[in-house]
Amino acid sequence: MLFITPAFAQAPGGDPLSSLLVPLALMLPIFYFLVIRPQQQRAKSHKEMVEKVRRGDTVVLGNGFIGKVIKVKEGENEIEVELNEQMRIRVTRGSVADVRGKGEPVKESV
């Protein structure tokens, strides 16, 4: 008496194209929703934030500097940031990593 039925192997010569396309077709939407779409949303929100930078805002630059926006010219890609009372720099809008808003004090370094 046999308790285990014999297993039959799949016949060789199946369509290799369909065996590759099905997993690929399942991975593409997952990749889109987990990687591409969130990155696009982050880029869009950063662009909106940078466009709304106004005089008096406290900003954090990409290199870690924190300063106060002194001059913003509409239509130009540069803004002027005051790091302390003696140092003002011009930076591109793209180098702004975060806008902390008006009224947040810029801490003086010792």
PDB file of N, CA and C in Angstrom:
ATOM      1  N   MET A   1       0.835  -1.160   0.000  1.00  0.00           N
ATOM      2  CA  MET A   1       0.000   0.000   0.000  1.00  0.00           C
ATOM      3  C   MET A   1       0.892   1.239   0.000  1.00  0.00           C
ATOM      4  N   LEU A   2       0.547   2.204  -0.817  1.00  0.00           N
ATOM      5  CA  LEU A   2       1.358   3.397  -1.017  1.00  0.00           C
ATOM      6  C   LEU A   2       0.685   4.604  -0.359  1.00  0.00           C
ATOM      7  N   PHE A   3       1.410   5.258   0.554  1.00  0.00           N
ATOM      8  CA  PHE A   3       0.846   6.413   1.259  1.00  0.00           C
ATOM      9  C   PHE A   3       1.156   7.732   0.568  1.00  0.00           C
ATOM     10  N   ILE A   4       2.234   7.780  -0.182  1.00  0.00           N
ATOM     11  CA  ILE A   4       2.636   9.010  -0.861  1.00  0.00           C
ATOM     12  C   ILE A   4       2.446   8.805  -2.348  1.00  0.00           C
ATOM     13  N   THR A   5       1.717   9.742  -2.951  1.00  0.00           N
ATOM     14  CA  THR A   5       1.518   9.634  -4.396  1.00  0.00           C
ATOM     15  C   THR A   5       2.750  10.155  -5.106  1.00  0.00           C
ATOM     16  N   PRO A   6       3.106   9.561  -6.210  1.00  0.00           N
ATOM     17  CA  PRO A   6       4.290  10.033  -6.937  1.00  0.00           C
ATOM     18  C   PRO A   6       4.055  11.441  -7.504  1.00  0.00           C
ATOM     19  N   ALA A   7       5.102  12.279  -7.432  1.00  0.00           N
ATOM     20  CA  ALA A   7       5.024  13.641  -7.969  1.00  0.00           C
ATOM     21  C   ALA A   7       5.432  13.600  -9.425  1.00  0.00           C
ATOM     22  N   PHE A   8       4.719  14.341 -10.209  1.00  0.00           N
ATOM     23  CA  PHE A   8       5.040  14.410 -11.628  1.00  0.00           C
ATOM     24  C   PHE A   8       5.700  15.746 -11.920  1.00  0.00           C
ATOM     25  N   ALA A   9       6.820  15.727 -12.546  1.00  0.00           N
ATOM     26  CA  ALA A   9       7.549  16.944 -12.896  1.00  0.00           C
ATOM     27  C   ALA A   9       6.855  17.633 -14.042  1.00  0.00           C
ATOM     28  N   GLN A  10       7.037  18.933 -14.094  1.00  0.00           N
ATOM     29  CA  GLN A  10       6.467  19.700 -15.200  1.00  0.00           C
ATOM     30  C   GLN A  10       7.179  19.303 -16.480  1.00  0.00           C
ATOM     31  N   ALA A  11       6.423  19.229 -17.499  1.00  0.00           N
ATOM     32  CA  ALA A  11       6.998  18.840 -18.787  1.00  0.00           C
ATOM     33  C   ALA A  11       7.982  19.911 -19.240  1.00  0.00           C
ATOM     34  N   PRO A  12       9.167  19.515 -19.699  1.00  0.00           N
ATOM     35  CA  PRO A  12      10.135  20.509 -20.172  1.00  0.00           C
ATOM     36  C   PRO A  12       9.639  21.188 -21.441  1.00  0.00           C
ATOM     37  N   GLY A  13      10.166  22.379 -21.670  1.00  0.00           N
ATOM     38  CA  GLY A  13       9.812  23.088 -22.902  1.00  0.00           C
ATOM     39  C   GLY A  13       8.688  24.082 -22.697  1.00  0.00           C
ATOM     40  N   GLY A  14       8.428  24.510 -21.440  1.00  0.00           N
ATOM     41  CA  GLY A  14       7.408  25.534 -21.197  1.00  0.00           C
ATOM     42  C   GLY A  14       7.853  26.871 -21.763  1.00  0.00           C
ATOM     43  N   ASP A  15       6.943  27.812 -21.838  1.00  0.00           N
ATOM     44  CA  ASP A  15       7.243  29.129 -22.416  1.00  0.00           C
ATOM     45  C   ASP A  15       8.073  29.955 -21.431  1.00  0.00           C
ATOM     46  N   PRO A  16       9.374  30.176 -21.699  1.00  0.00           N
ATOM     47  CA  PRO A  16      10.200  30.935 -20.750  1.00  0.00           C
ATOM     48  C   PRO A  16       9.830  32.421 -20.700  1.00  0.00           C
ATOM     49  N   LEU A  17       9.250  32.954 -21.769  1.00  0.00           N
ATOM     50  CA  LEU A  17       8.881  34.366 -21.799  1.00  0.00           C
ATOM     51  C   LEU A  17       7.788  34.661 -20.770  1.00  0.00           C
ATOM     52  N   SER A  18       6.800  33.794 -20.670  1.00  0.00           N
ATOM     53  CA  SER A  18       5.714  34.032 -19.717  1.00  0.00           C
ATOM     54  C   SER A  18       6.199  33.859 -18.285  1.00  0.00           C
ATOM     55  N   SER A  19       7.179  32.993 -18.080  1.00  0.00           N
ATOM     56  CA  SER A  19       7.689  32.815 -16.722  1.00  0.00           C
ATOM     57  C   SER A  19       8.499  34.029 -16.264  1.00  0.00           C
ATOM     58  N   LEU A  20       8.973  34.865 -17.174  1.00  0.00           N
ATOM     59  CA  LEU A  20       9.687  36.094 -16.819  1.00  0.00           C
ATOM     60  C   LEU A  20       8.760  37.304 -16.747  1.00  0.00           C
ATOM     61  N   LEU A  21       7.748  37.335 -17.602  1.00  0.00           N
ATOM     62  CA  LEU A  21       6.881  38.507 -17.677  1.00  0.00           C
ATOM     63  C   LEU A  21       5.921  38.620 -16.499  1.00  0.00           C
ATOM     64  N   VAL A  22       5.441  37.513 -16.009  1.00  0.00           N
ATOM     65  CA  VAL A  22       4.475  37.565 -14.909  1.00  0.00           C
ATOM     66  C   VAL A  22       5.099  38.170 -13.646  1.00  0.00           C
ATOM     67  N   PRO A  23       6.257  37.697 -13.178  1.00  0.00           N
ATOM     68  CA  PRO A  23       6.841  38.343 -11.998  1.00  0.00           C
ATOM     69  C   PRO A  23       7.226  39.805 -12.241  1.00  0.00           C
ATOM     70  N   LEU A  24       7.705  40.104 -13.443  1.00  0.00           N
ATOM     71  CA  LEU A  24       8.062  41.478 -13.774  1.00  0.00           C
ATOM     72  C   LEU A  24       6.835  42.379 -13.757  1.00  0.00           C
ATOM     73  N   ALA A  25       5.724  41.883 -14.297  1.00  0.00           N
ATOM     74  CA  ALA A  25       4.487  42.663 -14.315  1.00  0.00           C
ATOM     75  C   ALA A  25       3.960  42.886 -12.903  1.00  0.00           C
ATOM     76  N   LEU A  26       4.241  41.996 -11.991  1.00  0.00           N
ATOM     77  CA  LEU A  26       3.821  42.179 -10.599  1.00  0.00           C
ATOM     78  C   LEU A  26       4.760  43.105  -9.836  1.00  0.00           C
ATOM     79  N   MET A  27       6.034  43.118 -10.202  1.00  0.00           N
ATOM     80  CA  MET A  27       7.011  43.950  -9.494  1.00  0.00           C
ATOM     81  C   MET A  27       6.932  45.420  -9.893  1.00  0.00           C
ATOM     82  N   LEU A  28       6.584  45.732 -11.112  1.00  0.00           N
ATOM     83  CA  LEU A  28       6.563  47.123 -11.564  1.00  0.00           C
ATOM     84  C   LEU A  28       5.592  48.002 -10.773  1.00  0.00           C
ATOM     85  N   PRO A  29       4.325  47.600 -10.559  1.00  0.00           N
ATOM     86  CA  PRO A  29       3.442  48.470  -9.759  1.00  0.00           C
ATOM     87  C   PRO A  29       3.911  48.610  -8.309  1.00  0.00           C
ATOM     88  N   ILE A  30       4.447  47.549  -7.746  1.00  0.00           N
ATOM     89  CA  ILE A  30       4.952  47.617  -6.375  1.00  0.00           C
ATOM     90  C   ILE A  30       6.116  48.593  -6.301  1.00  0.00           C
ATOM     91  N   PHE A  31       7.033  48.507  -7.255  1.00  0.00           N
ATOM     92  CA  PHE A  31       8.184  49.413  -7.306  1.00  0.00           C
ATOM     93  C   PHE A  31       7.728  50.856  -7.465  1.00  0.00           C
ATOM     94  N   TYR A  32       6.712  51.073  -8.313  1.00  0.00           N
ATOM     95  CA  TYR A  32       6.212  52.434  -8.535  1.00  0.00           C
ATOM     96  C   TYR A  32       5.649  53.026  -7.246  1.00  0.00           C
ATOM     97  N   PHE A  33       4.801  52.278  -6.543  1.00  0.00           N
ATOM     98  CA  PHE A  33       4.143  52.819  -5.356  1.00  0.00           C
ATOM     99  C   PHE A  33       5.070  52.907  -4.153  1.00  0.00           C
ATOM    100  N   LEU A  34       6.113  52.105  -4.092  1.00  0.00           N
ATOM    101  CA  LEU A  34       7.008  52.142  -2.944  1.00  0.00           C
ATOM    102  C   LEU A  34       8.217  53.053  -3.133  1.00  0.00           C
ATOM    103  N   VAL A  35       8.633  53.310  -4.382  1.00  0.00           N
ATOM    104  CA  VAL A  35       9.856  54.083  -4.612  1.00  0.00           C
ATOM    105  C   VAL A  35       9.610  55.349  -5.424  1.00  0.00           C
ATOM    106  N   ILE A  36       9.062  55.216  -6.595  1.00  0.00           N
ATOM    107  CA  ILE A  36       8.979  56.346  -7.534  1.00  0.00           C
ATOM    108  C   ILE A  36       7.977  57.400  -7.062  1.00  0.00           C
ATOM    109  N   ARG A  37       6.767  57.003  -6.719  1.00  0.00           N
ATOM    110  CA  ARG A  37       5.731  57.963  -6.348  1.00  0.00           C
ATOM    111  C   ARG A  37       6.082  58.762  -5.094  1.00  0.00           C
ATOM    112  N   PRO A  38       6.561  58.135  -4.015  1.00  0.00           N
ATOM    113  CA  PRO A  38       6.943  58.947  -2.849  1.00  0.00           C
ATOM    114  C   PRO A  38       8.058  59.947  -3.147  1.00  0.00           C
ATOM    115  N   GLN A  39       9.016  59.565  -4.001  1.00  0.00           N
ATOM    116  CA  GLN A  39      10.102  60.479  -4.357  1.00  0.00           C
ATOM    117  C   GLN A  39       9.571  61.671  -5.145  1.00  0.00           C
ATOM    118  N   GLN A  40       8.615  61.423  -6.044  1.00  0.00           N
ATOM    119  CA  GLN A  40       8.022  62.526  -6.800  1.00  0.00           C
ATOM    120  C   GLN A  40       7.260  63.477  -5.879  1.00  0.00           C
ATOM    121  N   GLN A  41       6.558  62.935  -4.900  1.00  0.00           N
ATOM    122  CA  GLN A  41       5.818  63.783  -3.965  1.00  0.00           C
ATOM    123  C   GLN A  41       6.768  64.603  -3.096  1.00  0.00           C
ATOM    124  N   ARG A  42       7.879  63.997  -2.663  1.00  0.00           N
ATOM    125  CA  ARG A  42       8.862  64.732  -1.870  1.00  0.00           C
ATOM    126  C   ARG A  42       9.470  65.875  -2.679  1.00  0.00           C
ATOM    127  N   ALA A  43       9.793  65.603  -3.941  1.00  0.00           N
ATOM    128  CA  ALA A  43      10.377  66.640  -4.803  1.00  0.00           C
ATOM    129  C   ALA A  43       9.385  67.777  -5.036  1.00  0.00           C
ATOM    130  N   LYS A  44       8.127  67.438  -5.214  1.00  0.00           N
ATOM    131  CA  LYS A  44       7.105  68.459  -5.441  1.00  0.00           C
ATOM    132  C   LYS A  44       6.920  69.338  -4.206  1.00  0.00           C
ATOM    133  N   SER A  45       6.883  68.728  -3.023  1.00  0.00           N
ATOM    134  CA  SER A  45       6.701  69.525  -1.806  1.00  0.00           C
ATOM    135  C   SER A  45       7.934  70.392  -1.523  1.00  0.00           C
ATOM    136  N   HIS A  46       9.142  69.897  -1.840  1.00  0.00           N
ATOM    137  CA  HIS A  46      10.356  70.703  -1.661  1.00  0.00           C
ATOM    138  C   HIS A  46      10.350  71.897  -2.610  1.00  0.00           C
ATOM    139  N   LYS A  47       9.928  71.676  -3.837  1.00  0.00           N
ATOM    140  CA  LYS A  47       9.874  72.765  -4.813  1.00  0.00           C
ATOM    141  C   LYS A  47       8.889  73.846  -4.360  1.00  0.00           C
ATOM    142  N   GLU A  48       7.721  73.440  -3.852  1.00  0.00           N
ATOM    143  CA  GLU A  48       6.735  74.408  -3.363  1.00  0.00           C
ATOM    144  C   GLU A  48       7.280  75.176  -2.159  1.00  0.00           C
ATOM    145  N   MET A  49       7.974  74.473  -1.266  1.00  0.00           N
ATOM    146  CA  MET A  49       8.538  75.107  -0.079  1.00  0.00           C
ATOM    147  C   MET A  49       9.576  76.156  -0.470  1.00  0.00           C
ATOM    148  N   VAL A  50      10.426  75.826  -1.419  1.00  0.00           N
ATOM    149  CA  VAL A  50      11.483  76.750  -1.852  1.00  0.00           C
ATOM    150  C   VAL A  50      10.890  77.956  -2.561  1.00  0.00           C
ATOM    151  N   GLU A  51       9.819  77.767  -3.319  1.00  0.00           N
ATOM    152  CA  GLU A  51       9.186  78.889  -4.008  1.00  0.00           C
ATOM    153  C   GLU A  51       8.520  79.855  -3.031  1.00  0.00           C
ATOM    154  N   LYS A  52       8.132  79.377  -1.854  1.00  0.00           N
ATOM    155  CA  LYS A  52       7.436  80.211  -0.874  1.00  0.00           C
ATOM    156  C   LYS A  52       8.371  80.898   0.107  1.00  0.00           C
ATOM    157  N   VAL A  53       9.677  80.781  -0.078  1.00  0.00           N
ATOM    158  CA  VAL A  53      10.634  81.431   0.824  1.00  0.00           C
ATOM    159  C   VAL A  53      10.468  82.944   0.709  1.00  0.00           C
ATOM    160  N   ARG A  54      10.337  83.600   1.851  1.00  0.00           N
ATOM    161  CA  ARG A  54      10.145  85.042   1.884  1.00  0.00           C
ATOM    162  C   ARG A  54      11.176  85.684   2.798  1.00  0.00           C
ATOM    163  N   ARG A  55      11.291  86.983   2.675  1.00  0.00           N
ATOM    164  CA  ARG A  55      12.215  87.752   3.517  1.00  0.00           C
ATOM    165  C   ARG A  55      11.810  87.583   4.978  1.00  0.00           C
ATOM    166  N   GLY A  56      12.804  87.315   5.829  1.00  0.00           N
ATOM    167  CA  GLY A  56      12.543  87.151   7.249  1.00  0.00           C
ATOM    168  C   GLY A  56      12.430  85.701   7.689  1.00  0.00           C
ATOM    169  N   ASP A  57      12.289  84.779   6.744  1.00  0.00           N
ATOM    170  CA  ASP A  57      12.214  83.359   7.096  1.00  0.00           C
ATOM    171  C   ASP A  57      13.566  82.856   7.574  1.00  0.00           C
ATOM    172  N   THR A  58      13.535  81.919   8.494  1.00  0.00           N
ATOM    173  CA  THR A  58      14.749  81.233   8.922  1.00  0.00           C
ATOM    174  C   THR A  58      14.849  79.961   8.093  1.00  0.00           C
ATOM    175  N   VAL A  59      16.004  79.754   7.450  1.00  0.00           N
ATOM    176  CA  VAL A  59      16.179  78.598   6.570  1.00  0.00           C
ATOM    177  C   VAL A  59      17.381  77.769   7.010  1.00  0.00           C
ATOM    178  N   VAL A  60      17.307  76.489   6.708  1.00  0.00           N
ATOM    179  CA  VAL A  60      18.432  75.580   6.904  1.00  0.00           C
ATOM    180  C   VAL A  60      18.939  75.242   5.511  1.00  0.00           C
ATOM    181  N   LEU A  61      20.218  75.476   5.277  1.00  0.00           N
ATOM    182  CA  LEU A  61      20.802  75.204   3.972  1.00  0.00           C
ATOM    183  C   LEU A  61      21.275  73.756   3.904  1.00  0.00           C
ATOM    184  N   GLY A  62      21.543  73.286   2.718  1.00  0.00           N
ATOM    185  CA  GLY A  62      21.956  71.909   2.504  1.00  0.00           C
ATOM    186  C   GLY A  62      23.245  71.542   3.213  1.00  0.00           C
ATOM    187  N   ASN A  63      24.117  72.500   3.454  1.00  0.00           N
ATOM    188  CA  ASN A  63      25.384  72.223   4.133  1.00  0.00           C
ATOM    189  C   ASN A  63      25.263  72.317   5.648  1.00  0.00           C
ATOM    190  N   GLY A  64      24.057  72.607   6.160  1.00  0.00           N
ATOM    191  CA  GLY A  64      23.848  72.657   7.600  1.00  0.00           C
ATOM    192  C   GLY A  64      23.803  74.046   8.189  1.00  0.00           C
ATOM    193  N   PHE A  65      24.133  75.073   7.413  1.00  0.00           N
ATOM    194  CA  PHE A  65      24.074  76.443   7.930  1.00  0.00           C
ATOM    195  C   PHE A  65      22.625  76.843   8.155  1.00  0.00           C
ATOM    196  N   ILE A  66      22.406  77.615   9.208  1.00  0.00           N
ATOM    197  CA  ILE A  66      21.086  78.153   9.504  1.00  0.00           C
ATOM    198  C   ILE A  66      21.196  79.661   9.441  1.00  0.00           C
ATOM    199  N   GLY A  67      20.294  80.299   8.696  1.00  0.00           N
ATOM    200  CA  GLY A  67      20.361  81.747   8.559  1.00  0.00           C
ATOM    201  C   GLY A  67      18.999  82.349   8.309  1.00  0.00           C
ATOM    202  N   LYS A  68      18.998  83.663   8.237  1.00  0.00           N
ATOM    203  CA  LYS A  68      17.771  84.421   8.026  1.00  0.00           C
ATOM    204  C   LYS A  68      17.797  84.997   6.619  1.00  0.00           C
ATOM    205  N   VAL A  69      16.705  84.863   5.900  1.00  0.00           N
ATOM    206  CA  VAL A  69      16.622  85.365   4.531  1.00  0.00           C
ATOM    207  C   VAL A  69      16.518  86.882   4.572  1.00  0.00           C
ATOM    208  N   ILE A  70      17.427  87.544   3.861  1.00  0.00           N
ATOM    209  CA  ILE A  70      17.472  89.000   3.823  1.00  0.00           C
ATOM    210  C   ILE A  70      16.857  89.550   2.539  1.00  0.00           C
ATOM    211  N   LYS A  71      17.170  88.919   1.424  1.00  0.00           N
ATOM    212  CA  LYS A  71      16.716  89.443   0.143  1.00  0.00           C
ATOM    213  C   LYS A  71      16.256  88.296  -0.757  1.00  0.00           C
ATOM    214  N   VAL A  72      15.066  88.451  -1.335  1.00  0.00           N
ATOM    215  CA  VAL A  72      14.521  87.480  -2.280  1.00  0.00           C
ATOM    216  C   VAL A  72      14.030  88.262  -3.485  1.00  0.00           C
ATOM    217  N   LYS A  73      14.538  87.921  -4.653  1.00  0.00           N
ATOM    218  CA  LYS A  73      14.073  88.558  -5.880  1.00  0.00           C
ATOM    219  C   LYS A  73      13.229  87.549  -6.643  1.00  0.00           C
ATOM    220  N   GLU A  74      12.004  87.947  -6.941  1.00  0.00           N
ATOM    221  CA  GLU A  74      11.115  87.064  -7.690  1.00  0.00           C
ATOM    222  C   GLU A  74      11.655  86.833  -9.090  1.00  0.00           C
ATOM    223  N   GLY A  75      11.550  85.624  -9.552  1.00  0.00           N
ATOM    224  CA  GLY A  75      12.021  85.297 -10.890  1.00  0.00           C
ATOM    225  C   GLY A  75      13.492  84.941 -10.957  1.00  0.00           C
ATOM    226  N   GLU A  76      14.210  85.105  -9.860  1.00  0.00           N
ATOM    227  CA  GLU A  76      15.626  84.739  -9.838  1.00  0.00           C
ATOM    228  C   GLU A  76      15.811  83.506  -8.982  1.00  0.00           C
ATOM    229  N   ASN A  77      16.895  82.811  -9.230  1.00  0.00           N
ATOM    230  CA  ASN A  77      17.165  81.559  -8.537  1.00  0.00           C
ATOM    231  C   ASN A  77      18.008  81.765  -7.273  1.00  0.00           C
ATOM    232  N   GLU A  78      18.410  82.989  -6.980  1.00  0.00           N
ATOM    233  CA  GLU A  78      19.278  83.236  -5.832  1.00  0.00           C
ATOM    234  C   GLU A  78      18.536  83.983  -4.734  1.00  0.00           C
ATOM    235  N   ILE A  79      18.927  83.700  -3.485  1.00  0.00           N
ATOM    236  CA  ILE A  79      18.441  84.446  -2.333  1.00  0.00           C
ATOM    237  C   ILE A  79      19.649  84.847  -1.503  1.00  0.00           C
ATOM    238  N   GLU A  80      19.495  85.893  -0.710  1.00  0.00           N
ATOM    239  CA  GLU A  80      20.577  86.328   0.168  1.00  0.00           C
ATOM    240  C   GLU A  80      20.221  85.946   1.592  1.00  0.00           C
ATOM    241  N   VAL A  81      21.157  85.263   2.262  1.00  0.00           N
ATOM    242  CA  VAL A  81      20.935  84.750   3.614  1.00  0.00           C
ATOM    243  C   VAL A  81      21.968  85.360   4.548  1.00  0.00           C
ATOM    244  N   GLU A  82      21.511  85.802   5.711  1.00  0.00           N
ATOM    245  CA  GLU A  82      22.403  86.337   6.730  1.00  0.00           C
ATOM    246  C   GLU A  82      22.672  85.243   7.759  1.00  0.00           C
ATOM    247  N   LEU A  83      23.945  84.829   7.862  1.00  0.00           N
ATOM    248  CA  LEU A  83      24.316  83.798   8.819  1.00  0.00           C
ATOM    249  C   LEU A  83      24.545  84.395  10.198  1.00  0.00           C
ATOM    250  N   ASN A  84      25.174  85.550  10.256  1.00  0.00           N
ATOM    251  CA  ASN A  84      25.291  86.337  11.486  1.00  0.00           C
ATOM    252  C   ASN A  84      25.362  87.795  11.060  1.00  0.00           C
ATOM    253  N   GLU A  85      25.610  88.688  12.001  1.00  0.00           N
ATOM    254  CA  GLU A  85      25.560  90.119  11.685  1.00  0.00           C
ATOM    255  C   GLU A  85      26.639  90.550  10.704  1.00  0.00           C
ATOM    256  N   GLN A  86      27.750  89.833  10.644  1.00  0.00           N
ATOM    257  CA  GLN A  86      28.842  90.212   9.752  1.00  0.00           C
ATOM    258  C   GLN A  86      28.855  89.420   8.445  1.00  0.00           C
ATOM    259  N   MET A  87      28.114  88.349   8.344  1.00  0.00           N
ATOM    260  CA  MET A  87      28.242  87.479   7.176  1.00  0.00           C
ATOM    261  C   MET A  87      26.907  87.293   6.459  1.00  0.00           C
ATOM    262  N   ARG A  88      26.898  87.726   5.202  1.00  0.00           N
ATOM    263  CA  ARG A  88      25.753  87.507   4.321  1.00  0.00           C
ATOM    264  C   ARG A  88      26.249  86.735   3.111  1.00  0.00           C
ATOM    265  N   ILE A  89      25.465  85.764   2.687  1.00  0.00           N
ATOM    266  CA  ILE A  89      25.860  84.952   1.521  1.00  0.00           C
ATOM    267  C   ILE A  89      24.686  84.868   0.554  1.00  0.00           C
ATOM    268  N   ARG A  90      25.040  84.675  -0.713  1.00  0.00           N
ATOM    269  CA  ARG A  90      24.029  84.425  -1.741  1.00  0.00           C
ATOM    270  C   ARG A  90      24.048  82.940  -2.050  1.00  0.00           C
ATOM    271  N   VAL A  91      22.881  82.333  -2.041  1.00  0.00           N
ATOM    272  CA  VAL A  91      22.772  80.899  -2.322  1.00  0.00           C
ATOM    273  C   VAL A  91      21.650  80.669  -3.329  1.00  0.00           C
ATOM    274  N   THR A  92      21.716  79.555  -3.997  1.00  0.00           N
ATOM    275  CA  THR A  92      20.623  79.196  -4.903  1.00  0.00           C
ATOM    276  C   THR A  92      19.457  78.671  -4.080  1.00  0.00           C
ATOM    277  N   ARG A  93      18.281  78.798  -4.620  1.00  0.00           N
ATOM    278  CA  ARG A  93      17.085  78.340  -3.915  1.00  0.00           C
ATOM    279  C   ARG A  93      17.129  76.829  -3.680  1.00  0.00           C
ATOM    280  N   GLY A  94      17.751  76.105  -4.580  1.00  0.00           N
ATOM    281  CA  GLY A  94      17.824  74.660  -4.449  1.00  0.00           C
ATOM    282  C   GLY A  94      18.657  74.190  -3.274  1.00  0.00           C
ATOM    283  N   SER A  95      19.518  75.057  -2.751  1.00  0.00           N
ATOM    284  CA  SER A  95      20.348  74.662  -1.611  1.00  0.00           C
ATOM    285  C   SER A  95      19.619  74.794  -0.287  1.00  0.00           C
ATOM    286  N   VAL A  96      18.385  75.286  -0.308  1.00  0.00           N
ATOM    287  CA  VAL A  96      17.585  75.386   0.913  1.00  0.00           C
ATOM    288  C   VAL A  96      17.008  74.007   1.216  1.00  0.00           C
ATOM    289  N   ALA A  97      17.368  73.475   2.378  1.00  0.00           N
ATOM    290  CA  ALA A  97      16.885  72.146   2.761  1.00  0.00           C
ATOM    291  C   ALA A  97      15.592  72.224   3.552  1.00  0.00           C
ATOM    292  N   ASP A  98      15.411  73.285   4.345  1.00  0.00           N
ATOM    293  CA  ASP A  98      14.216  73.391   5.174  1.00  0.00           C
ATOM    294  C   ASP A  98      13.937  74.862   5.465  1.00  0.00           C
ATOM    295  N   VAL A  99      12.678  75.207   5.564  1.00  0.00           N
ATOM    296  CA  VAL A  99      12.262  76.554   5.937  1.00  0.00           C
ATOM    297  C   VAL A  99      11.601  76.442   7.298  1.00  0.00           C
ATOM    298  N   ARG A 100      12.167  77.123   8.275  1.00  0.00           N
ATOM    299  CA  ARG A 100      11.636  77.037   9.636  1.00  0.00           C
ATOM    300  C   ARG A 100      10.577  78.091   9.906  1.00  0.00           C
ATOM    301  N   GLY A 101      10.465  79.071   9.060  1.00  0.00           N
ATOM    302  CA  GLY A 101       9.423  80.069   9.220  1.00  0.00           C
ATOM    303  C   GLY A 101       9.940  81.350   9.836  1.00  0.00           C
ATOM    304  N   LYS A 102       9.053  82.341   9.904  1.00  0.00           N
ATOM    305  CA  LYS A 102       9.417  83.639  10.470  1.00  0.00           C
ATOM    306  C   LYS A 102       9.447  83.563  11.977  1.00  0.00           C
ATOM    307  N   GLY A 103      10.295  84.358  12.543  1.00  0.00           N
ATOM    308  CA  GLY A 103      10.296  84.510  13.982  1.00  0.00           C
ATOM    309  C   GLY A 103      11.167  83.528  14.731  1.00  0.00           C
ATOM    310  N   GLU A 104      11.598  82.441  14.105  1.00  0.00           N
ATOM    311  CA  GLU A 104      12.488  81.533  14.813  1.00  0.00           C
ATOM    312  C   GLU A 104      13.869  82.164  14.878  1.00  0.00           C
ATOM    313  N   PRO A 105      14.412  82.285  16.052  1.00  0.00           N
ATOM    314  CA  PRO A 105      15.696  82.973  16.172  1.00  0.00           C
ATOM    315  C   PRO A 105      16.830  82.160  15.590  1.00  0.00           C
ATOM    316  N   VAL A 106      17.811  82.863  15.050  1.00  0.00           N
ATOM    317  CA  VAL A 106      19.040  82.239  14.581  1.00  0.00           C
ATOM    318  C   VAL A 106      19.981  82.224  15.759  1.00  0.00           C
ATOM    319  N   LYS A 107      20.417  81.037  16.164  1.00  0.00           N
ATOM    320  CA  LYS A 107      21.295  80.920  17.328  1.00  0.00           C
ATOM    321  C   LYS A 107      22.710  81.345  16.955  1.00  0.00           C
ATOM    322  N   GLU A 108      23.287  82.171  17.788  1.00  0.00           N
ATOM    323  CA  GLU A 108      24.651  82.625  17.570  1.00  0.00           C
ATOM    324  C   GLU A 108      25.620  81.556  18.015  1.00  0.00           C
ATOM    325  N   SER A 109      26.666  81.320  17.249  1.00  0.00           N
ATOM    326  CA  SER A 109      27.686  80.362  17.660  1.00  0.00           C
ATOM    327  C   SER A 109      28.649  81.031  18.616  1.00  0.00           C
ATOM    328  N   VAL A 110      29.246  80.247  19.477  1.00  0.00           N
ATOM    329  CA  VAL A 110      30.145  80.779  20.515  1.00  0.00           C
ATOM    330  C   VAL A 110      31.513  80.995  19.981  1.00  0.00           C
TER     331      VAL A 110
END
